[in-house]
Amino acid sequence: MHAIFRDGGRQYRVEEGETLFLDYRDAEPGSTLQFSEVLAIEPGSGDFVCGTPLVDGASVEAEVIEEVKGPKVIFHRFRRRKNSHSRKGHRQKYIKVRIGKIAS
């Protein structure tokens, strides 16, 4: 069973048992998250249910595994002829979740 849901301005296509990285939020490892903005569902029988804009009564349940950091992004600022430059880095935080139950 596949589902497409919306979270944090992005859309994710998931199936049961899949792991996924979402934007960071305060959630304890082992807790569950409920996503009710489901845009489409494809049950195992091959049917495809598309919402207008959301599928009524559908939800995706996910279990929080851990908090992780993404890759380090280094950016440079350079101003020519001013003897001015800087180098900074950033690592974005994410939460790793495992998709549990997709209810239609």
PDB file of N, CA and C in Angstrom:
ATOM      1  N   MET A   1       0.841  -1.172   0.000  1.00  0.00           N
ATOM      2  CA  MET A   1       0.000   0.000   0.000  1.00  0.00           C
ATOM      3  C   MET A   1       0.893   1.245   0.000  1.00  0.00           C
ATOM      4  N   HIS A   2       0.639   2.164  -0.903  1.00  0.00           N
ATOM      5  CA  HIS A   2       1.376   3.413  -1.012  1.00  0.00           C
ATOM      6  C   HIS A   2       0.474   4.568  -0.609  1.00  0.00           C
ATOM      7  N   ALA A   3       1.097   5.647  -0.150  1.00  0.00           N
ATOM      8  CA  ALA A   3       0.352   6.863   0.159  1.00  0.00           C
ATOM      9  C   ALA A   3       1.230   8.065  -0.151  1.00  0.00           C
ATOM     10  N   ILE A   4       0.595   9.160  -0.507  1.00  0.00           N
ATOM     11  CA  ILE A   4       1.284  10.424  -0.708  1.00  0.00           C
ATOM     12  C   ILE A   4       0.706  11.388   0.311  1.00  0.00           C
ATOM     13  N   PHE A   5       1.577  11.915   1.186  1.00  0.00           N
ATOM     14  CA  PHE A   5       1.098  12.858   2.189  1.00  0.00           C
ATOM     15  C   PHE A   5       1.956  14.111   2.161  1.00  0.00           C
ATOM     16  N   ARG A   6       1.412  15.168   2.778  1.00  0.00           N
ATOM     17  CA  ARG A   6       2.064  16.468   2.777  1.00  0.00           C
ATOM     18  C   ARG A   6       2.488  16.806   4.204  1.00  0.00           C
ATOM     19  N   ASP A   7       3.755  17.258   4.331  1.00  0.00           N
ATOM     20  CA  ASP A   7       4.261  17.674   5.638  1.00  0.00           C
ATOM     21  C   ASP A   7       5.355  18.707   5.427  1.00  0.00           C
ATOM     22  N   GLY A   8       5.246  19.832   6.087  1.00  0.00           N
ATOM     23  CA  GLY A   8       6.278  20.855   6.027  1.00  0.00           C
ATOM     24  C   GLY A   8       6.475  21.447   4.644  1.00  0.00           C
ATOM     25  N   GLY A   9       5.410  21.548   3.840  1.00  0.00           N
ATOM     26  CA  GLY A   9       5.523  22.118   2.511  1.00  0.00           C
ATOM     27  C   GLY A   9       6.056  21.159   1.465  1.00  0.00           C
ATOM     28  N   ARG A  10       6.275  19.911   1.829  1.00  0.00           N
ATOM     29  CA  ARG A  10       6.777  18.913   0.882  1.00  0.00           C
ATOM     30  C   ARG A  10       5.802  17.740   0.814  1.00  0.00           C
ATOM     31  N   GLN A  11       5.879  17.006  -0.275  1.00  0.00           N
ATOM     32  CA  GLN A  11       5.056  15.819  -0.432  1.00  0.00           C
ATOM     33  C   GLN A  11       5.958  14.592  -0.442  1.00  0.00           C
ATOM     34  N   TYR A  12       5.508  13.538   0.226  1.00  0.00           N
ATOM     35  CA  TYR A  12       6.290  12.313   0.346  1.00  0.00           C
ATOM     36  C   TYR A  12       5.448  11.135  -0.118  1.00  0.00           C
ATOM     37  N   ARG A  13       6.044  10.262  -0.935  1.00  0.00           N
ATOM     38  CA  ARG A  13       5.392   9.019  -1.354  1.00  0.00           C
ATOM     39  C   ARG A  13       6.006   7.907  -0.524  1.00  0.00           C
ATOM     40  N   VAL A  14       5.192   7.232   0.275  1.00  0.00           N
ATOM     41  CA  VAL A  14       5.701   6.248   1.220  1.00  0.00           C
ATOM     42  C   VAL A  14       4.901   4.960   1.132  1.00  0.00           C
ATOM     43  N   GLU A  15       5.499   3.911   1.685  1.00  0.00           N
ATOM     44  CA  GLU A  15       4.798   2.649   1.880  1.00  0.00           C
ATOM     45  C   GLU A  15       5.133   2.140   3.275  1.00  0.00           C
ATOM     46  N   GLU A  16       4.397   1.182   3.746  1.00  0.00           N
ATOM     47  CA  GLU A  16       4.559   0.676   5.109  1.00  0.00           C
ATOM     48  C   GLU A  16       5.938   0.053   5.282  1.00  0.00           C
ATOM     49  N   GLY A  17       6.599   0.382   6.407  1.00  0.00           N
ATOM     50  CA  GLY A  17       7.910  -0.158   6.708  1.00  0.00           C
ATOM     51  C   GLY A  17       9.069   0.667   6.185  1.00  0.00           C
ATOM     52  N   GLU A  18       8.811   1.703   5.430  1.00  0.00           N
ATOM     53  CA  GLU A  18       9.863   2.537   4.852  1.00  0.00           C
ATOM     54  C   GLU A  18      10.380   3.537   5.885  1.00  0.00           C
ATOM     55  N   THR A  19      11.679   3.864   5.823  1.00  0.00           N
ATOM     56  CA  THR A  19      12.231   4.902   6.696  1.00  0.00           C
ATOM     57  C   THR A  19      12.367   6.191   5.895  1.00  0.00           C
ATOM     58  N   LEU A  20      12.254   7.319   6.608  1.00  0.00           N
ATOM     59  CA  LEU A  20      12.146   8.605   5.953  1.00  0.00           C
ATOM     60  C   LEU A  20      12.751   9.675   6.846  1.00  0.00           C
ATOM     61  N   PHE A  21      13.348  10.703   6.272  1.00  0.00           N
ATOM     62  CA  PHE A  21      13.878  11.839   7.020  1.00  0.00           C
ATOM     63  C   PHE A  21      12.933  13.017   6.843  1.00  0.00           C
ATOM     64  N   LEU A  22      12.428  13.552   7.948  1.00  0.00           N
ATOM     65  CA  LEU A  22      11.523  14.691   7.935  1.00  0.00           C
ATOM     66  C   LEU A  22      12.182  15.877   8.616  1.00  0.00           C
ATOM     67  N   ASP A  23      11.611  17.068   8.419  1.00  0.00           N
ATOM     68  CA  ASP A  23      12.116  18.252   9.085  1.00  0.00           C
ATOM     69  C   ASP A  23      12.049  18.061  10.594  1.00  0.00           C
ATOM     70  N   TYR A  24      12.999  18.690  11.287  1.00  0.00           N
ATOM     71  CA  TYR A  24      13.112  18.501  12.733  1.00  0.00           C
ATOM     72  C   TYR A  24      11.892  19.064  13.453  1.00  0.00           C
ATOM     73  N   ARG A  25      11.452  18.352  14.469  1.00  0.00           N
ATOM     74  CA  ARG A  25      10.421  18.806  15.397  1.00  0.00           C
ATOM     75  C   ARG A  25      10.680  18.135  16.729  1.00  0.00           C
ATOM     76  N   ASP A  26      10.152  18.676  17.778  1.00  0.00           N
ATOM     77  CA  ASP A  26      10.354  18.095  19.108  1.00  0.00           C
ATOM     78  C   ASP A  26       9.515  16.831  19.225  1.00  0.00           C
ATOM     79  N   ALA A  27      10.155  15.696  19.081  1.00  0.00           N
ATOM     80  CA  ALA A  27       9.490  14.407  19.209  1.00  0.00           C
ATOM     81  C   ALA A  27      10.485  13.431  19.823  1.00  0.00           C
ATOM     82  N   GLU A  28      10.054  12.750  20.838  1.00  0.00           N
ATOM     83  CA  GLU A  28      10.905  11.781  21.523  1.00  0.00           C
ATOM     84  C   GLU A  28      11.050  10.512  20.681  1.00  0.00           C
ATOM     85  N   PRO A  29      12.236   9.910  20.667  1.00  0.00           N
ATOM     86  CA  PRO A  29      12.380   8.617  19.980  1.00  0.00           C
ATOM     87  C   PRO A  29      11.439   7.583  20.597  1.00  0.00           C
ATOM     88  N   GLY A  30      10.734   6.870  19.759  1.00  0.00           N
ATOM     89  CA  GLY A  30       9.751   5.891  20.209  1.00  0.00           C
ATOM     90  C   GLY A  30       8.323   6.412  20.167  1.00  0.00           C
ATOM     91  N   SER A  31       8.138   7.721  20.054  1.00  0.00           N
ATOM     92  CA  SER A  31       6.789   8.272  19.974  1.00  0.00           C
ATOM     93  C   SER A  31       6.258   8.131  18.546  1.00  0.00           C
ATOM     94  N   THR A  32       4.967   8.343  18.380  1.00  0.00           N
ATOM     95  CA  THR A  32       4.346   8.209  17.061  1.00  0.00           C
ATOM     96  C   THR A  32       3.855   9.562  16.574  1.00  0.00           C
ATOM     97  N   LEU A  33       3.902   9.737  15.278  1.00  0.00           N
ATOM     98  CA  LEU A  33       3.380  10.931  14.620  1.00  0.00           C
ATOM     99  C   LEU A  33       2.230  10.525  13.713  1.00  0.00           C
ATOM    100  N   GLN A  34       1.225  11.374  13.635  1.00  0.00           N
ATOM    101  CA  GLN A  34       0.051  11.112  12.809  1.00  0.00           C
ATOM    102  C   GLN A  34      -0.020  12.191  11.736  1.00  0.00           C
ATOM    103  N   PHE A  35      -0.056  11.801  10.468  1.00  0.00           N
ATOM    104  CA  PHE A  35      -0.165  12.732   9.355  1.00  0.00           C
ATOM    105  C   PHE A  35      -1.542  12.552   8.727  1.00  0.00           C
ATOM    106  N   SER A  36      -2.359  13.600   8.791  1.00  0.00           N
ATOM    107  CA  SER A  36      -3.724  13.490   8.280  1.00  0.00           C
ATOM    108  C   SER A  36      -3.907  14.155   6.917  1.00  0.00           C
ATOM    109  N   GLU A  37      -2.901  14.873   6.428  1.00  0.00           N
ATOM    110  CA  GLU A  37      -2.997  15.511   5.114  1.00  0.00           C
ATOM    111  C   GLU A  37      -2.545  14.530   4.029  1.00  0.00           C
ATOM    112  N   VAL A  38      -3.371  13.539   3.767  1.00  0.00           N
ATOM    113  CA  VAL A  38      -3.065  12.515   2.767  1.00  0.00           C
ATOM    114  C   VAL A  38      -3.680  12.943   1.436  1.00  0.00           C
ATOM    115  N   LEU A  39      -2.838  13.034   0.417  1.00  0.00           N
ATOM    116  CA  LEU A  39      -3.285  13.504  -0.894  1.00  0.00           C
ATOM    117  C   LEU A  39      -3.773  12.373  -1.787  1.00  0.00           C
ATOM    118  N   ALA A  40      -3.173  11.177  -1.651  1.00  0.00           N
ATOM    119  CA  ALA A  40      -3.575  10.045  -2.489  1.00  0.00           C
ATOM    120  C   ALA A  40      -3.191   8.744  -1.787  1.00  0.00           C
ATOM    121  N   ILE A  41      -3.946   7.707  -2.090  1.00  0.00           N
ATOM    122  CA  ILE A  41      -3.680   6.368  -1.536  1.00  0.00           C
ATOM    123  C   ILE A  41      -3.825   5.354  -2.658  1.00  0.00           C
ATOM    124  N   GLU A  42      -2.913   4.390  -2.670  1.00  0.00           N
ATOM    125  CA  GLU A  42      -3.005   3.266  -3.604  1.00  0.00           C
ATOM    126  C   GLU A  42      -3.054   1.989  -2.772  1.00  0.00           C
ATOM    127  N   PRO A  43      -4.243   1.446  -2.532  1.00  0.00           N
ATOM    128  CA  PRO A  43      -4.334   0.190  -1.794  1.00  0.00           C
ATOM    129  C   PRO A  43      -3.684  -0.942  -2.576  1.00  0.00           C
ATOM    130  N   GLY A  44      -3.477  -2.052  -1.916  1.00  0.00           N
ATOM    131  CA  GLY A  44      -2.797  -3.186  -2.539  1.00  0.00           C
ATOM    132  C   GLY A  44      -3.527  -3.795  -3.721  1.00  0.00           C
ATOM    133  N   SER A  45      -4.821  -3.509  -3.880  1.00  0.00           N
ATOM    134  CA  SER A  45      -5.588  -4.140  -4.962  1.00  0.00           C
ATOM    135  C   SER A  45      -5.397  -3.459  -6.299  1.00  0.00           C
ATOM    136  N   GLY A  46      -4.583  -2.389  -6.366  1.00  0.00           N
ATOM    137  CA  GLY A  46      -4.325  -1.730  -7.635  1.00  0.00           C
ATOM    138  C   GLY A  46      -5.182  -0.515  -7.875  1.00  0.00           C
ATOM    139  N   ASP A  47      -6.163  -0.240  -7.018  1.00  0.00           N
ATOM    140  CA  ASP A  47      -6.978   0.964  -7.153  1.00  0.00           C
ATOM    141  C   ASP A  47      -6.162   2.174  -6.725  1.00  0.00           C
ATOM    142  N   PHE A  48      -6.542   3.344  -7.219  1.00  0.00           N
ATOM    143  CA  PHE A  48      -5.856   4.572  -6.866  1.00  0.00           C
ATOM    144  C   PHE A  48      -6.897   5.594  -6.454  1.00  0.00           C
ATOM    145  N   VAL A  49      -6.818   6.064  -5.204  1.00  0.00           N
ATOM    146  CA  VAL A  49      -7.771   7.035  -4.683  1.00  0.00           C
ATOM    147  C   VAL A  49      -7.052   8.366  -4.553  1.00  0.00           C
ATOM    148  N   CYS A  50      -7.521   9.350  -5.306  1.00  0.00           N
ATOM    149  CA  CYS A  50      -6.919  10.678  -5.283  1.00  0.00           C
ATOM    150  C   CYS A  50      -7.886  11.624  -4.587  1.00  0.00           C
ATOM    151  N   GLY A  51      -7.395  12.391  -3.632  1.00  0.00           N
ATOM    152  CA  GLY A  51      -8.229  13.314  -2.889  1.00  0.00           C
ATOM    153  C   GLY A  51      -8.457  14.609  -3.633  1.00  0.00           C
ATOM    154  N   THR A  52      -9.477  15.354  -3.192  1.00  0.00           N
ATOM    155  CA  THR A  52      -9.778  16.650  -3.796  1.00  0.00           C
ATOM    156  C   THR A  52      -9.923  17.710  -2.720  1.00  0.00           C
ATOM    157  N   PRO A  53      -8.932  18.260  -2.105  1.00  0.00           N
ATOM    158  CA  PRO A  53      -7.513  17.990  -2.252  1.00  0.00           C
ATOM    159  C   PRO A  53      -7.013  16.863  -1.348  1.00  0.00           C
ATOM    160  N   LEU A  54      -7.774  16.496  -0.301  1.00  0.00           N
ATOM    161  CA  LEU A  54      -7.328  15.452   0.634  1.00  0.00           C
ATOM    162  C   LEU A  54      -8.277  14.267   0.581  1.00  0.00           C
ATOM    163  N   VAL A  55      -7.762  13.096   0.927  1.00  0.00           N
ATOM    164  CA  VAL A  55      -8.578  11.887   1.016  1.00  0.00           C
ATOM    165  C   VAL A  55      -9.248  11.890   2.383  1.00  0.00           C
ATOM    166  N   ASP A  56     -10.580  11.778   2.395  1.00  0.00           N
ATOM    167  CA  ASP A  56     -11.333  11.822   3.655  1.00  0.00           C
ATOM    168  C   ASP A  56     -11.048  10.591   4.506  1.00  0.00           C
ATOM    169  N   GLY A  57     -10.730  10.806   5.773  1.00  0.00           N
ATOM    170  CA  GLY A  57     -10.523   9.723   6.725  1.00  0.00           C
ATOM    171  C   GLY A  57      -9.207   8.990   6.596  1.00  0.00           C
ATOM    172  N   ALA A  58      -8.338   9.411   5.709  1.00  0.00           N
ATOM    173  CA  ALA A  58      -7.051   8.726   5.522  1.00  0.00           C
ATOM    174  C   ALA A  58      -6.004   9.346   6.439  1.00  0.00           C
ATOM    175  N   SER A  59      -5.084   8.513   6.890  1.00  0.00           N
ATOM    176  CA  SER A  59      -3.993   8.994   7.738  1.00  0.00           C
ATOM    177  C   SER A  59      -2.792   8.073   7.594  1.00  0.00           C
ATOM    178  N   VAL A  60      -1.625   8.631   7.914  1.00  0.00           N
ATOM    179  CA  VAL A  60      -0.377   7.879   7.890  1.00  0.00           C
ATOM    180  C   VAL A  60       0.229   7.991   9.272  1.00  0.00           C
ATOM    181  N   GLU A  61       0.587   6.849   9.844  1.00  0.00           N
ATOM    182  CA  GLU A  61       1.172   6.813  11.184  1.00  0.00           C
ATOM    183  C   GLU A  61       2.652   6.460  11.056  1.00  0.00           C
ATOM    184  N   ALA A  62       3.508   7.197  11.793  1.00  0.00           N
ATOM    185  CA  ALA A  62       4.945   6.975  11.725  1.00  0.00           C
ATOM    186  C   ALA A  62       5.530   6.959  13.129  1.00  0.00           C
ATOM    187  N   GLU A  63       6.545   6.129  13.331  1.00  0.00           N
ATOM    188  CA  GLU A  63       7.234   6.028  14.614  1.00  0.00           C
ATOM    189  C   GLU A  63       8.580   6.736  14.500  1.00  0.00           C
ATOM    190  N   VAL A  64       8.886   7.594  15.477  1.00  0.00           N
ATOM    191  CA  VAL A  64      10.146   8.325  15.484  1.00  0.00           C
ATOM    192  C   VAL A  64      11.256   7.379  15.928  1.00  0.00           C
ATOM    193  N   ILE A  65      12.310   7.271  15.109  1.00  0.00           N
ATOM    194  CA  ILE A  65      13.437   6.402  15.433  1.00  0.00           C
ATOM    195  C   ILE A  65      14.519   7.181  16.164  1.00  0.00           C
ATOM    196  N   GLU A  66      14.972   8.298  15.563  1.00  0.00           N
ATOM    197  CA  GLU A  66      16.032   9.081  16.181  1.00  0.00           C
ATOM    198  C   GLU A  66      16.105  10.457  15.537  1.00  0.00           C
ATOM    199  N   GLU A  67      16.881  11.326  16.179  1.00  0.00           N
ATOM    200  CA  GLU A  67      17.192  12.630  15.622  1.00  0.00           C
ATOM    201  C   GLU A  67      18.562  12.536  14.956  1.00  0.00           C
ATOM    202  N   VAL A  68      18.688  13.059  13.751  1.00  0.00           N
ATOM    203  CA  VAL A  68      19.944  12.994  13.012  1.00  0.00           C
ATOM    204  C   VAL A  68      20.269  14.361  12.436  1.00  0.00           C
ATOM    205  N   LYS A  69      21.543  14.527  12.041  1.00  0.00           N
ATOM    206  CA  LYS A  69      21.973  15.738  11.362  1.00  0.00           C
ATOM    207  C   LYS A  69      22.306  15.393   9.923  1.00  0.00           C
ATOM    208  N   GLY A  70      22.013  16.309   9.030  1.00  0.00           N
ATOM    209  CA  GLY A  70      22.304  16.123   7.619  1.00  0.00           C
ATOM    210  C   GLY A  70      23.765  16.390   7.325  1.00  0.00           C
ATOM    211  N   PRO A  71      24.132  16.360   6.061  1.00  0.00           N
ATOM    212  CA  PRO A  71      25.526  16.626   5.695  1.00  0.00           C
ATOM    213  C   PRO A  71      25.890  18.086   5.947  1.00  0.00           C
ATOM    214  N   LYS A  72      27.171  18.328   6.150  1.00  0.00           N
ATOM    215  CA  LYS A  72      27.631  19.686   6.405  1.00  0.00           C
ATOM    216  C   LYS A  72      27.657  20.469   5.094  1.00  0.00           C
ATOM    217  N   VAL A  73      27.047  21.642   5.128  1.00  0.00           N
ATOM    218  CA  VAL A  73      27.027  22.534   3.980  1.00  0.00           C
ATOM    219  C   VAL A  73      27.929  23.712   4.312  1.00  0.00           C
ATOM    220  N   ILE A  74      28.948  23.938   3.500  1.00  0.00           N
ATOM    221  CA  ILE A  74      29.889  25.029   3.727  1.00  0.00           C
ATOM    222  C   ILE A  74      29.650  26.091   2.662  1.00  0.00           C
ATOM    223  N   PHE A  75      29.537  27.346   3.098  1.00  0.00           N
ATOM    224  CA  PHE A  75      29.350  28.420   2.131  1.00  0.00           C
ATOM    225  C   PHE A  75      30.360  29.521   2.382  1.00  0.00           C
ATOM    226  N   HIS A  76      30.764  30.161   1.301  1.00  0.00           N
ATOM    227  CA  HIS A  76      31.768  31.221   1.331  1.00  0.00           C
ATOM    228  C   HIS A  76      31.121  32.527   0.903  1.00  0.00           C
ATOM    229  N   ARG A  77      31.516  33.596   1.572  1.00  0.00           N
ATOM    230  CA  ARG A  77      31.159  34.941   1.124  1.00  0.00           C
ATOM    231  C   ARG A  77      32.465  35.660   0.812  1.00  0.00           C
ATOM    232  N   PHE A  78      32.515  36.240  -0.350  1.00  0.00           N
ATOM    233  CA  PHE A  78      33.744  36.890  -0.777  1.00  0.00           C
ATOM    234  C   PHE A  78      33.400  38.207  -1.440  1.00  0.00           C
ATOM    235  N   ARG A  79      34.004  39.270  -0.970  1.00  0.00           N
ATOM    236  CA  ARG A  79      33.810  40.589  -1.567  1.00  0.00           C
ATOM    237  C   ARG A  79      35.138  41.022  -2.188  1.00  0.00           C
ATOM    238  N   ARG A  80      35.170  41.119  -3.465  1.00  0.00           N
ATOM    239  CA  ARG A  80      36.421  41.414  -4.149  1.00  0.00           C
ATOM    240  C   ARG A  80      36.902  42.835  -3.840  1.00  0.00           C
ATOM    241  N   ARG A  81      38.189  42.979  -3.798  1.00  0.00           N
ATOM    242  CA  ARG A  81      38.881  44.249  -3.562  1.00  0.00           C
ATOM    243  C   ARG A  81      38.543  44.892  -2.222  1.00  0.00           C
ATOM    244  N   LYS A  82      37.925  44.188  -1.307  1.00  0.00           N
ATOM    245  CA  LYS A  82      37.580  44.748  -0.006  1.00  0.00           C
ATOM    246  C   LYS A  82      38.329  44.047   1.123  1.00  0.00           C
ATOM    247  N   ASN A  83      39.105  43.015   0.791  1.00  0.00           N
ATOM    248  CA  ASN A  83      39.793  42.204   1.784  1.00  0.00           C
ATOM    249  C   ASN A  83      38.798  41.645   2.803  1.00  0.00           C
ATOM    250  N   SER A  84      37.667  41.194   2.311  1.00  0.00           N
ATOM    251  CA  SER A  84      36.618  40.692   3.188  1.00  0.00           C
ATOM    252  C   SER A  84      36.127  39.353   2.658  1.00  0.00           C
ATOM    253  N   HIS A  85      36.197  38.338   3.491  1.00  0.00           N
ATOM    254  CA  HIS A  85      35.650  37.043   3.125  1.00  0.00           C
ATOM    255  C   HIS A  85      35.319  36.293   4.405  1.00  0.00           C
ATOM    256  N   SER A  86      34.376  35.368   4.306  1.00  0.00           N
ATOM    257  CA  SER A  86      34.012  34.549   5.463  1.00  0.00           C
ATOM    258  C   SER A  86      33.668  33.152   4.977  1.00  0.00           C
ATOM    259  N   ARG A  87      33.846  32.200   5.854  1.00  0.00           N
ATOM    260  CA  ARG A  87      33.549  30.797   5.555  1.00  0.00           C
ATOM    261  C   ARG A  87      32.759  30.249   6.720  1.00  0.00           C
ATOM    262  N   LYS A  88      31.556  29.784   6.461  1.00  0.00           N
ATOM    263  CA  LYS A  88      30.697  29.271   7.521  1.00  0.00           C
ATOM    264  C   LYS A  88      30.127  27.919   7.102  1.00  0.00           C
ATOM    265  N   GLY A  89      29.717  27.159   8.079  1.00  0.00           N
ATOM    266  CA  GLY A  89      29.125  25.854   7.827  1.00  0.00           C
ATOM    267  C   GLY A  89      27.809  25.703   8.571  1.00  0.00           C
ATOM    268  N   HIS A  90      27.014  24.741   8.111  1.00  0.00           N
ATOM    269  CA  HIS A  90      25.708  24.497   8.720  1.00  0.00           C
ATOM    270  C   HIS A  90      25.346  23.025   8.554  1.00  0.00           C
ATOM    271  N   ARG A  91      24.738  22.449   9.584  1.00  0.00           N
ATOM    272  CA  ARG A  91      24.191  21.087   9.501  1.00  0.00           C
ATOM    273  C   ARG A  91      22.736  21.130   9.930  1.00  0.00           C
ATOM    274  N   GLN A  92      21.847  20.757   9.027  1.00  0.00           N
ATOM    275  CA  GLN A  92      20.414  20.783   9.297  1.00  0.00           C
ATOM    276  C   GLN A  92      20.024  19.568  10.140  1.00  0.00           C
ATOM    277  N   LYS A  93      19.105  19.768  11.081  1.00  0.00           N
ATOM    278  CA  LYS A  93      18.595  18.659  11.899  1.00  0.00           C
ATOM    279  C   LYS A  93      17.380  18.038  11.230  1.00  0.00           C
ATOM    280  N   TYR A  94      17.270  16.725  11.338  1.00  0.00           N
ATOM    281  CA  TYR A  94      16.139  15.965  10.819  1.00  0.00           C
ATOM    282  C   TYR A  94      15.703  14.960  11.874  1.00  0.00           C
ATOM    283  N   ILE A  95      14.506  14.398  11.692  1.00  0.00           N
ATOM    284  CA  ILE A  95      14.102  13.238  12.477  1.00  0.00           C
ATOM    285  C   ILE A  95      13.915  12.079  11.508  1.00  0.00           C
ATOM    286  N   LYS A  96      14.377  10.923  11.934  1.00  0.00           N
ATOM    287  CA  LYS A  96      14.250   9.710  11.129  1.00  0.00           C
ATOM    288  C   LYS A  96      13.024   8.962  11.629  1.00  0.00           C
ATOM    289  N   VAL A  97      12.091   8.670  10.733  1.00  0.00           N
ATOM    290  CA  VAL A  97      10.861   7.991  11.113  1.00  0.00           C
ATOM    291  C   VAL A  97      10.676   6.734  10.281  1.00  0.00           C
ATOM    292  N   ARG A  98       9.948   5.782  10.836  1.00  0.00           N
ATOM    293  CA  ARG A  98       9.571   4.559  10.127  1.00  0.00           C
ATOM    294  C   ARG A  98       8.061   4.584   9.949  1.00  0.00           C
ATOM    295  N   ILE A  99       7.620   4.447   8.710  1.00  0.00           N
ATOM    296  CA  ILE A  99       6.200   4.481   8.410  1.00  0.00           C
ATOM    297  C   ILE A  99       5.562   3.188   8.906  1.00  0.00           C
ATOM    298  N   GLY A 100       4.519   3.336   9.706  1.00  0.00           N
ATOM    299  CA  GLY A 100       3.865   2.170  10.274  1.00  0.00           C
ATOM    300  C   GLY A 100       2.602   1.810   9.517  1.00  0.00           C
ATOM    301  N   LYS A 101       1.503   2.402   9.915  1.00  0.00           N
ATOM    302  CA  LYS A 101       0.199   2.022   9.373  1.00  0.00           C
ATOM    303  C   LYS A 101      -0.326   3.113   8.457  1.00  0.00           C
ATOM    304  N   ILE A 102      -0.836   2.712   7.314  1.00  0.00           N
ATOM    305  CA  ILE A 102      -1.500   3.629   6.392  1.00  0.00           C
ATOM    306  C   ILE A 102      -2.975   3.246   6.406  1.00  0.00           C
ATOM    307  N   ALA A 103      -3.796   4.143   6.955  1.00  0.00           N
ATOM    308  CA  ALA A 103      -5.237   3.872   7.089  1.00  0.00           C
ATOM    309  C   ALA A 103      -5.986   4.658   6.039  1.00  0.00           C
ATOM    310  N   SER A 104      -6.929   4.001   5.375  1.00  0.00           N
ATOM    311  CA  SER A 104      -7.699   4.690   4.340  1.00  0.00           C
ATOM    312  C   SER A 104      -9.121   4.958   4.760  1.00  0.00           C
TER     313      SER A 104
END
